[in-house]
């Protein structure tokens, strides 16, 4: 069992106790890695898989979980299980799973091998291939995350996301996107396209209430000619798990989606971290990873 710990955040007492209990358990061989910079958790997770550890536990938030998932998939090792000890700011993926994921139950789940197969999304962008377990989006959400990452150096906590939304709101130009899927095509101004495996992003916003992590599909939320004012008016709906109430809010399912930027600038984010600017090709990998459930 390998713990991949986000070293930039203080561990909660409950999470600390869970790690210590596993380290002291006679039936569990464990090791811990502390990530201190971007992408380090990918390297550590990959290294742990190649070293023979078959349960890799992400200790952190959505960004740490994303990196651990990428490390596991890049290792190309079979029968690897992802565990999660939520210790982040938003913990959106965990919220959307409706799993308790109680740190006190981690040992029991490991010993009983209580797992669930879940899907993973594959992204092809200007930076190459990356994977996501929760949500990636292009447009306004990507811009918010881009601003959020820049202001993290001097502003943290939950208020930071709200401030990033307001800053993105000022002077934002809606891009024109061409969206192609096997059963649905669209071209026009788009505020945001969220490609969802999970349902929640942005510190508790249910951007797609229909998304399930084990249905073998990507659930898409396309906000076309939705003004920023209308989007902000719908934040309470998103916080309560409801759809965006707007005629240009489109929801559909697909196995793959191609997004091309026809005019303007469109930036994207993946699991709460800035990804890239420009075109995206995204597909679902059904049952790609085993998730420890407890």
Protein backbone atom coordinates (compact mmCIF):
# COMPACT_ATOMS: atom_id res chain seq x y z
CA UNK A 1 0.00 0.00 0.00
CA UNK A 2 1.48 3.35 -1.04
CA UNK A 3 0.30 6.72 0.22
CA UNK A 4 0.87 9.63 -2.16
CA UNK A 5 0.52 12.70 0.06
CA UNK A 6 0.10 16.30 -1.04
CA UNK A 7 2.83 17.89 1.05
CA UNK A 8 1.51 21.43 0.60
CA UNK A 9 -1.49 20.81 2.87
CA UNK A 10 -1.62 20.00 6.57
CA UNK A 11 -3.12 16.57 7.21
CA UNK A 12 -6.27 16.36 9.29
CA UNK A 13 -5.98 14.37 12.53
CA UNK A 14 -8.34 11.73 11.12
CA UNK A 15 -6.26 11.27 7.98
CA UNK A 16 -3.02 11.14 9.99
CA UNK A 17 -4.48 8.45 12.23
CA UNK A 18 -5.64 6.40 9.25
CA UNK A 19 -2.17 6.46 7.68
CA UNK A 20 -0.50 5.56 10.99
CA UNK A 21 -2.92 2.68 11.58
CA UNK A 22 -2.09 1.24 8.16
CA UNK A 23 1.65 1.67 8.74
CA UNK A 24 1.38 -0.23 12.03
CA UNK A 25 -0.88 -3.04 10.79
CA UNK A 26 0.87 -6.39 10.65
CA UNK A 27 -0.94 -7.48 7.47
CA UNK A 28 -0.23 -4.32 5.46
CA UNK A 29 3.09 -3.32 3.90
CA UNK A 30 3.05 0.43 3.35
CA UNK A 31 5.18 3.29 2.15
CA UNK A 32 4.56 7.03 1.92
CA UNK A 33 5.61 9.57 -0.70
CA UNK A 34 5.33 13.33 -0.12
CA UNK A 35 4.71 15.39 -3.26
CA UNK A 36 5.95 18.97 -3.04
CA UNK A 37 5.43 20.23 -6.56
CA UNK A 38 3.33 19.88 -9.72
CA UNK A 39 3.26 16.43 -11.33
CA UNK A 40 5.35 14.82 -8.57
CA UNK A 41 2.39 12.69 -7.49
CA UNK A 42 2.27 11.22 -11.02
CA UNK A 43 5.89 10.12 -10.71
CA UNK A 44 5.42 8.71 -7.21
CA UNK A 45 2.24 6.80 -8.12
CA UNK A 46 3.91 5.35 -11.20
CA UNK A 47 6.96 4.38 -9.16
CA UNK A 48 4.81 2.72 -6.50
CA UNK A 49 2.94 0.66 -9.11
CA UNK A 50 6.16 -0.48 -10.76
CA UNK A 51 7.58 -1.37 -7.32
CA UNK A 52 4.78 -3.85 -6.73
CA UNK A 53 2.34 -1.91 -4.55
CA UNK A 54 -1.21 -2.72 -5.61
CA UNK A 55 -3.15 -0.16 -3.54
CA UNK A 56 -2.22 3.47 -4.22
CA UNK A 57 -3.88 5.98 -1.90
CA UNK A 58 -4.15 9.63 -2.95
CA UNK A 59 -4.00 11.85 0.15
CA UNK A 60 -5.13 15.32 -0.88
CA UNK A 61 -7.72 17.00 -3.06
CA UNK A 62 -8.91 16.65 -6.64
CA UNK A 63 -5.54 17.64 -8.12
CA UNK A 64 -3.71 14.96 -6.15
CA UNK A 65 -6.29 12.34 -7.10
CA UNK A 66 -5.90 13.31 -10.76
CA UNK A 67 -2.13 12.97 -10.65
CA UNK A 68 -2.31 9.60 -8.90
CA UNK A 69 -4.79 8.34 -11.51
CA UNK A 70 -2.41 9.45 -14.27
CA UNK A 71 0.50 7.71 -12.56
CA UNK A 72 -1.46 4.47 -12.20
CA UNK A 73 -2.58 4.45 -15.84
CA UNK A 74 0.87 5.37 -17.13
CA UNK A 75 2.36 2.41 -15.25
CA UNK A 76 0.27 0.05 -17.44
CA UNK A 77 0.07 -2.31 -14.47
CA UNK A 78 -3.07 -4.38 -14.00
CA UNK A 79 -4.96 -4.95 -10.76
CA UNK A 80 -4.04 -1.61 -9.18
CA UNK A 81 -6.58 -0.13 -6.78
CA UNK A 82 -7.00 3.60 -6.17
CA UNK A 83 -7.71 4.65 -2.60
CA UNK A 84 -8.61 8.17 -1.49
CA UNK A 85 -8.10 10.00 1.78
CA UNK A 86 -9.77 13.34 1.07
CA UNK A 87 -7.63 16.19 2.39
CA UNK A 88 -8.19 19.01 -0.09
CA UNK A 89 -10.08 22.28 -0.33
CA UNK A 90 -12.97 21.23 -2.54
CA UNK A 91 -12.86 17.42 -2.63
CA UNK A 92 -15.37 17.59 -5.48
CA UNK A 93 -14.80 14.09 -6.86
CA UNK A 94 -15.41 12.51 -3.45
CA UNK A 95 -18.57 14.59 -2.97
CA UNK A 96 -19.94 13.39 -6.28
CA UNK A 97 -19.36 9.68 -5.61
CA UNK A 98 -21.82 9.58 -2.69
CA UNK A 99 -19.34 7.27 -0.97
CA UNK A 100 -18.59 7.82 2.70
CA UNK A 101 -14.82 7.30 2.27
CA UNK A 102 -14.43 7.48 6.03
CA UNK A 103 -10.69 7.41 6.88
CA UNK A 104 -11.46 5.22 9.90
CA UNK A 105 -12.72 2.47 7.56
CA UNK A 106 -9.70 2.41 5.23
CA UNK A 107 -7.94 -0.61 6.76
CA UNK A 108 -11.09 -2.72 6.75
CA UNK A 109 -11.77 -1.88 3.09
CA UNK A 110 -8.21 -2.81 2.11
CA UNK A 111 -8.31 -6.14 3.94
CA UNK A 112 -11.71 -6.99 2.44
CA UNK A 113 -10.69 -5.71 -1.02
CA UNK A 114 -13.90 -3.70 -1.34
CA UNK A 115 -13.61 -2.13 -4.79
CA UNK A 116 -15.72 -0.64 -7.56
CA UNK A 117 -14.70 -0.34 -11.21
CA UNK A 118 -14.98 3.24 -12.44
CA UNK A 119 -14.48 5.03 -15.74
CA UNK A 120 -11.69 7.43 -16.66
CA UNK A 121 -11.62 10.14 -19.33
CA UNK A 122 -8.76 10.42 -21.83
CA UNK A 123 -7.80 13.87 -23.14
CA UNK A 124 -5.71 14.65 -26.20
CA UNK A 125 -4.57 18.28 -26.24
CA UNK A 126 -1.65 20.39 -27.44
CA UNK A 127 0.29 19.03 -24.44
CA UNK A 128 -0.25 15.39 -25.37
CA UNK A 129 -2.37 12.80 -23.55
CA UNK A 130 -3.65 13.11 -20.01
CA UNK A 131 -6.43 11.45 -18.02
CA UNK A 132 -9.17 12.60 -15.67
CA UNK A 133 -11.48 10.89 -13.21
CA UNK A 134 -13.85 13.76 -12.44
CA UNK A 135 -14.45 16.63 -14.89
CA UNK A 136 -12.64 18.59 -17.56
CA UNK A 137 -14.07 21.75 -19.08
CA UNK A 138 -13.20 24.31 -21.70
CA UNK A 139 -14.28 27.93 -21.68
CA UNK A 140 -15.25 30.02 -18.68
CA UNK A 141 -14.48 27.29 -16.14
CA UNK A 142 -10.99 26.89 -17.57
CA UNK A 143 -10.44 30.64 -17.35
CA UNK A 144 -11.53 30.63 -13.70
CA UNK A 145 -9.03 27.88 -12.86
CA UNK A 146 -6.27 29.67 -14.79
CA UNK A 147 -6.84 32.77 -12.65
CA UNK A 148 -7.20 30.68 -9.50
CA UNK A 149 -3.77 29.12 -9.99
CA UNK A 150 -2.16 32.52 -10.41
CA UNK A 151 -3.73 33.95 -7.25
CA UNK A 152 -3.04 30.89 -5.04
CA UNK A 153 0.37 32.34 -4.21
CA UNK A 154 -1.20 35.14 -2.21
CA UNK A 155 -4.83 34.08 -1.65
CA UNK A 156 -6.05 30.69 -0.46
CA UNK A 157 -9.14 29.12 1.03
CA UNK A 158 -12.69 28.82 -0.24
CA UNK A 159 -13.09 32.56 -0.91
CA UNK A 160 -10.40 32.30 -3.56
CA UNK A 161 -12.72 30.52 -6.02
CA UNK A 162 -15.42 33.18 -5.74
CA UNK A 163 -12.88 35.91 -6.34
CA UNK A 164 -11.53 34.02 -9.37
CA UNK A 165 -15.06 33.85 -10.85
CA UNK A 166 -15.45 37.62 -10.47
CA UNK A 167 -12.04 38.29 -12.00
CA UNK A 168 -12.79 35.97 -14.94
CA UNK A 169 -16.13 37.72 -15.40
CA UNK A 170 -14.39 41.04 -16.16
CA UNK A 171 -13.54 41.31 -19.84
CA UNK A 172 -14.23 37.66 -20.67
CA UNK A 173 -14.85 37.03 -24.38
CA UNK A 174 -16.95 33.98 -25.25
CA UNK A 175 -15.17 31.82 -27.88
CA UNK A 176 -16.76 30.13 -30.88
CA UNK A 177 -16.38 26.36 -30.68
CA UNK A 178 -17.10 23.51 -33.06
CA UNK A 179 -18.25 20.42 -31.16
CA UNK A 180 -18.40 17.03 -32.85
CA UNK A 181 -19.69 13.77 -31.37
CA UNK A 182 -21.13 10.60 -32.96
CA UNK A 183 -24.72 11.76 -32.32
CA UNK A 184 -24.59 15.52 -31.75
CA UNK A 185 -22.84 18.42 -33.50
CA UNK A 186 -22.75 22.10 -32.63
CA UNK A 187 -20.95 25.25 -33.74
CA UNK A 188 -21.35 28.67 -32.19
CA UNK A 189 -20.53 30.85 -29.19
CA UNK A 190 -20.03 28.71 -26.09
CA UNK A 191 -19.64 29.93 -22.55
CA UNK A 192 -18.50 26.52 -21.35
CA UNK A 193 -18.42 22.83 -22.17
CA UNK A 194 -18.04 20.51 -19.18
CA UNK A 195 -17.11 16.91 -19.97
CA UNK A 196 -18.16 14.94 -16.93
CA UNK A 197 -17.32 11.58 -15.48
CA UNK A 198 -18.17 12.85 -12.02
CA UNK A 199 -20.90 15.39 -11.35
CA UNK A 200 -19.41 18.13 -9.14
CA UNK A 201 -16.71 20.74 -9.77
CA UNK A 202 -15.80 24.27 -8.67
CA UNK A 203 -16.03 23.61 -4.92
CA UNK A 204 -19.49 22.08 -4.78
CA UNK A 205 -21.21 23.03 -8.07
CA UNK A 206 -23.17 20.16 -9.65
CA UNK A 207 -22.43 20.98 -13.26
CA UNK A 208 -24.04 17.73 -14.46
CA UNK A 209 -26.54 15.98 -12.17
CA UNK A 210 -26.80 12.99 -14.55
CA UNK A 211 -23.11 12.00 -14.50
CA UNK A 212 -22.11 8.64 -13.06
CA UNK A 213 -18.55 7.40 -12.63
CA UNK A 214 -19.37 3.84 -13.70
CA UNK A 215 -21.80 4.12 -16.64
CA UNK A 216 -19.25 3.94 -19.46
CA UNK A 217 -20.28 7.38 -20.75
CA UNK A 218 -19.21 11.00 -20.71
CA UNK A 219 -22.01 13.33 -19.64
CA UNK A 220 -21.76 16.71 -21.35
CA UNK A 221 -23.00 20.09 -20.17
CA UNK A 222 -22.90 22.60 -23.00
CA UNK A 223 -23.69 26.21 -22.13
CA UNK A 224 -24.04 28.02 -25.44
CA UNK A 225 -25.35 31.58 -25.56
CA UNK A 226 -25.59 31.72 -21.80
CA UNK A 227 -24.48 35.09 -20.51
CA UNK A 228 -22.13 35.30 -17.57
CA UNK A 229 -24.90 37.05 -15.65
CA UNK A 230 -27.27 34.13 -16.31
CA UNK A 231 -24.57 31.65 -15.28
CA UNK A 232 -23.99 33.45 -11.99
CA UNK A 233 -27.77 33.60 -11.44
CA UNK A 234 -27.79 29.80 -11.73
CA UNK A 235 -25.06 29.21 -9.14
CA UNK A 236 -27.65 28.43 -6.47
CA UNK A 237 -29.16 25.79 -8.78
CA UNK A 238 -25.73 24.25 -9.28
CA UNK A 239 -25.04 24.27 -5.54
CA UNK A 240 -28.30 22.41 -4.89
CA UNK A 241 -27.74 19.77 -7.58
CA UNK A 242 -30.14 21.18 -10.19
CA UNK A 243 -29.71 21.80 -13.91
CA UNK A 244 -28.88 25.20 -15.34
CA UNK A 245 -32.24 26.80 -16.11
CA UNK A 246 -31.63 28.30 -19.55
CA UNK A 247 -32.74 27.38 -23.12
CA UNK A 248 -29.10 27.34 -24.27
CA UNK A 249 -28.09 24.81 -21.60
CA UNK A 250 -27.77 21.45 -23.36
CA UNK A 251 -27.18 18.10 -21.65
CA UNK A 252 -26.27 14.90 -23.50
CA UNK A 253 -24.21 11.70 -23.31
CA UNK A 254 -21.43 10.46 -25.56
CA UNK A 255 -18.45 8.15 -25.67
CA UNK A 256 -16.19 10.72 -27.31
CA UNK A 257 -16.18 14.40 -28.15
CA UNK A 258 -13.99 16.63 -30.31
CA UNK A 259 -13.81 20.36 -29.54
CA UNK A 260 -12.22 22.84 -31.96
CA UNK A 261 -11.71 26.53 -31.28
CA UNK A 262 -12.96 28.44 -34.34
CA UNK A 263 -12.67 31.98 -32.97
CA UNK A 264 -11.26 33.55 -29.83
CA UNK A 265 -9.33 31.90 -27.03
CA UNK A 266 -10.57 28.90 -25.04
CA UNK A 267 -8.64 27.49 -22.12
CA UNK A 268 -9.35 24.23 -20.34
CA UNK A 269 -8.94 22.71 -16.91
CA UNK A 270 -8.88 19.13 -15.71
CA UNK A 271 -9.98 18.07 -12.22
CA UNK A 272 -9.49 21.61 -10.96
CA UNK A 273 -6.04 22.20 -12.49
CA UNK A 274 -5.21 24.34 -15.53
CA UNK A 275 -4.64 22.18 -18.62
CA UNK A 276 -4.07 24.01 -21.89
CA UNK A 277 -5.34 26.46 -24.48
CA UNK A 278 -6.89 25.23 -27.71
CA UNK A 279 -8.48 22.12 -29.16
CA UNK A 280 -9.40 18.97 -27.22
CA UNK A 281 -10.25 15.40 -28.14
CA UNK A 282 -11.82 13.44 -25.29
CA UNK A 283 -12.99 9.84 -24.94
CA UNK A 284 -14.14 7.57 -22.13
CA UNK A 285 -12.23 4.51 -20.92
CA UNK A 286 -14.90 2.31 -19.29
CA UNK A 287 -13.95 0.44 -16.11
CA UNK A 288 -10.41 1.78 -16.41
CA UNK A 289 -9.55 1.81 -12.73
CA UNK A 290 -10.58 0.11 -9.48
CA UNK A 291 -11.68 2.43 -6.67
CA UNK A 292 -11.48 1.36 -3.04
CA UNK A 293 -14.90 1.98 -1.48
CA UNK A 294 -15.57 2.40 2.23
